[in-house]
Amino acid sequence: MNRIRIHGVVSGRVQGVSYRYSMKREAHRLGVAGWVRNLPDGRVEFEAEGERSAVEALVAWAGEGPAYARVDRVLTSDRQVQGDQEFVTRS
């Protein structure tokens, strides 16, 4: 099993456009665990864990986002696998 975990920060118009809800839905579709939350400065932060190909697909999705989002940048870094089993929205 090739399980990885990625931390990401998304900047652009990503709050108030259902970004978190849409990411959670996409993570569930891909079988990725982790979390997503809004940051006070208008960015969105997430961690995603799962099979490499699924996590990479979610990061690629993060660069597009939902229909009304405008993603300017997605910065990612590797994290230690934690064994998360679901993808949740944090406040």
C-alpha atoms as a PDB file:
ATOM      1  CA  MET A   1       0.000   0.000   0.000  1.00  0.00           C
ATOM      2  CA  ASN A   2       1.437   3.351  -1.071  1.00  0.00           C
ATOM      3  CA  ARG A   3      -0.247   5.669   1.456  1.00  0.00           C
ATOM      4  CA  ILE A   4       0.818   9.337   1.697  1.00  0.00           C
ATOM      5  CA  ARG A   5      -0.333  12.515   3.461  1.00  0.00           C
ATOM      6  CA  ILE A   6      -0.170  16.038   2.043  1.00  0.00           C
ATOM      7  CA  HIS A   7      -0.716  19.418   3.720  1.00  0.00           C
ATOM      8  CA  GLY A   8      -2.036  22.118   1.410  1.00  0.00           C
ATOM      9  CA  VAL A   9      -2.941  25.791   1.451  1.00  0.00           C
ATOM     10  CA  VAL A  10      -5.132  27.195  -1.328  1.00  0.00           C
ATOM     11  CA  SER A  11      -5.244  30.899  -2.124  1.00  0.00           C
ATOM     12  CA  GLY A  12      -7.569  32.882  -4.362  1.00  0.00           C
ATOM     13  CA  ARG A  13     -11.342  33.303  -4.136  1.00  0.00           C
ATOM     14  CA  VAL A  14     -11.889  30.095  -2.199  1.00  0.00           C
ATOM     15  CA  GLN A  15     -14.175  31.113   0.661  1.00  0.00           C
ATOM     16  CA  GLY A  16     -17.900  31.659   0.197  1.00  0.00           C
ATOM     17  CA  VAL A  17     -17.965  29.490  -2.945  1.00  0.00           C
ATOM     18  CA  SER A  18     -18.604  26.036  -1.375  1.00  0.00           C
ATOM     19  CA  TYR A  19     -14.919  25.129  -1.643  1.00  0.00           C
ATOM     20  CA  ARG A  20     -14.788  23.128   1.606  1.00  0.00           C
ATOM     21  CA  TYR A  21     -18.028  21.278   0.895  1.00  0.00           C
ATOM     22  CA  SER A  22     -16.905  20.477  -2.648  1.00  0.00           C
ATOM     23  CA  MET A  23     -13.473  19.296  -1.500  1.00  0.00           C
ATOM     24  CA  LYS A  24     -15.061  17.024   1.095  1.00  0.00           C
ATOM     25  CA  ARG A  25     -17.343  15.543  -1.570  1.00  0.00           C
ATOM     26  CA  GLU A  26     -14.391  15.014  -3.948  1.00  0.00           C
ATOM     27  CA  ALA A  27     -12.281  13.446  -1.174  1.00  0.00           C
ATOM     28  CA  HIS A  28     -15.093  11.001  -0.407  1.00  0.00           C
ATOM     29  CA  ARG A  29     -15.394  10.148  -4.099  1.00  0.00           C
ATOM     30  CA  LEU A  30     -11.639   9.452  -4.265  1.00  0.00           C
ATOM     31  CA  GLY A  31     -11.473   7.566  -0.963  1.00  0.00           C
ATOM     32  CA  VAL A  32      -9.170  10.165   0.635  1.00  0.00           C
ATOM     33  CA  ALA A  33      -9.164  10.917   4.378  1.00  0.00           C
ATOM     34  CA  GLY A  34      -8.143  14.125   6.148  1.00  0.00           C
ATOM     35  CA  TRP A  35      -9.671  17.535   6.740  1.00  0.00           C
ATOM     36  CA  VAL A  36     -10.318  20.990   5.265  1.00  0.00           C
ATOM     37  CA  ARG A  37     -10.884  24.383   6.912  1.00  0.00           C
ATOM     38  CA  ASN A  38     -11.054  28.102   6.185  1.00  0.00           C
ATOM     39  CA  LEU A  39      -8.224  30.309   7.409  1.00  0.00           C
ATOM     40  CA  PRO A  40      -8.850  33.812   8.775  1.00  0.00           C
ATOM     41  CA  ASP A  41      -6.892  35.395   5.895  1.00  0.00           C
ATOM     42  CA  GLY A  42      -9.267  34.016   3.214  1.00  0.00           C
ATOM     43  CA  ARG A  43      -7.240  30.947   2.233  1.00  0.00           C
ATOM     44  CA  VAL A  44      -8.294  27.312   2.664  1.00  0.00           C
ATOM     45  CA  GLU A  45      -6.075  24.753   4.399  1.00  0.00           C
ATOM     46  CA  PHE A  46      -6.330  20.984   4.065  1.00  0.00           C
ATOM     47  CA  GLU A  47      -4.600  17.702   4.769  1.00  0.00           C
ATOM     48  CA  ALA A  48      -5.259  14.691   2.601  1.00  0.00           C
ATOM     49  CA  GLU A  49      -4.222  11.092   3.234  1.00  0.00           C
ATOM     50  CA  GLY A  50      -4.670   7.978   1.159  1.00  0.00           C
ATOM     51  CA  GLU A  51      -3.324   6.129  -1.840  1.00  0.00           C
ATOM     52  CA  ARG A  52      -0.791   8.283  -3.705  1.00  0.00           C
ATOM     53  CA  SER A  53      -2.833   8.451  -6.908  1.00  0.00           C
ATOM     54  CA  ALA A  54      -6.004   9.458  -5.037  1.00  0.00           C
ATOM     55  CA  VAL A  55      -4.242  12.170  -3.003  1.00  0.00           C
ATOM     56  CA  GLU A  56      -2.573  13.493  -6.148  1.00  0.00           C
ATOM     57  CA  ALA A  57      -5.989  13.590  -7.852  1.00  0.00           C
ATOM     58  CA  LEU A  58      -7.418  15.602  -4.925  1.00  0.00           C
ATOM     59  CA  VAL A  59      -4.500  18.050  -5.055  1.00  0.00           C
ATOM     60  CA  ALA A  60      -5.112  18.465  -8.791  1.00  0.00           C
ATOM     61  CA  TRP A  61      -8.792  19.096  -8.060  1.00  0.00           C
ATOM     62  CA  ALA A  62      -7.749  21.671  -5.415  1.00  0.00           C
ATOM     63  CA  GLY A  63      -6.075  23.663  -8.190  1.00  0.00           C
ATOM     64  CA  GLU A  64      -9.432  24.014  -9.956  1.00  0.00           C
ATOM     65  CA  GLY A  65     -11.955  23.958  -7.115  1.00  0.00           C
ATOM     66  CA  PRO A  66     -15.727  24.283  -7.551  1.00  0.00           C
ATOM     67  CA  ALA A  67     -17.392  26.321 -10.281  1.00  0.00           C
ATOM     68  CA  TYR A  68     -17.368  29.730  -8.554  1.00  0.00           C
ATOM     69  CA  ALA A  69     -13.884  29.487  -7.059  1.00  0.00           C
ATOM     70  CA  ARG A  70     -10.812  31.187  -8.483  1.00  0.00           C
ATOM     71  CA  VAL A  71      -7.710  29.337  -7.368  1.00  0.00           C
ATOM     72  CA  ASP A  72      -4.513  31.363  -7.634  1.00  0.00           C
ATOM     73  CA  ARG A  73      -2.136  28.914  -5.964  1.00  0.00           C
ATOM     74  CA  VAL A  74      -1.954  25.599  -4.116  1.00  0.00           C
ATOM     75  CA  LEU A  75       1.112  25.112  -1.944  1.00  0.00           C
ATOM     76  CA  THR A  76       1.700  21.587  -0.657  1.00  0.00           C
ATOM     77  CA  SER A  77       4.142  19.786   1.597  1.00  0.00           C
ATOM     78  CA  ASP A  78       4.505  16.196   2.729  1.00  0.00           C
ATOM     79  CA  ARG A  79       3.291  15.120   6.157  1.00  0.00           C
ATOM     80  CA  GLN A  80       3.569  11.964   8.230  1.00  0.00           C
ATOM     81  CA  VAL A  81       0.768   9.456   7.598  1.00  0.00           C
ATOM     82  CA  GLN A  82      -1.618   9.482  10.581  1.00  0.00           C
ATOM     83  CA  GLY A  83      -4.116   6.778   9.688  1.00  0.00           C
ATOM     84  CA  ASP A  84      -7.183   9.008   9.285  1.00  0.00           C
ATOM     85  CA  GLN A  85     -10.256   7.122   8.118  1.00  0.00           C
ATOM     86  CA  GLU A  86     -12.574   9.936   7.010  1.00  0.00           C
ATOM     87  CA  PHE A  87     -12.473  13.423   5.518  1.00  0.00           C
ATOM     88  CA  VAL A  88     -14.008  16.141   7.699  1.00  0.00           C
ATOM     89  CA  THR A  89     -14.611  19.880   7.634  1.00  0.00           C
ATOM     90  CA  ARG A  90     -12.973  21.747  10.496  1.00  0.00           C
ATOM     91  CA  SER A  91     -13.952  25.181  11.737  1.00  0.00           C
END
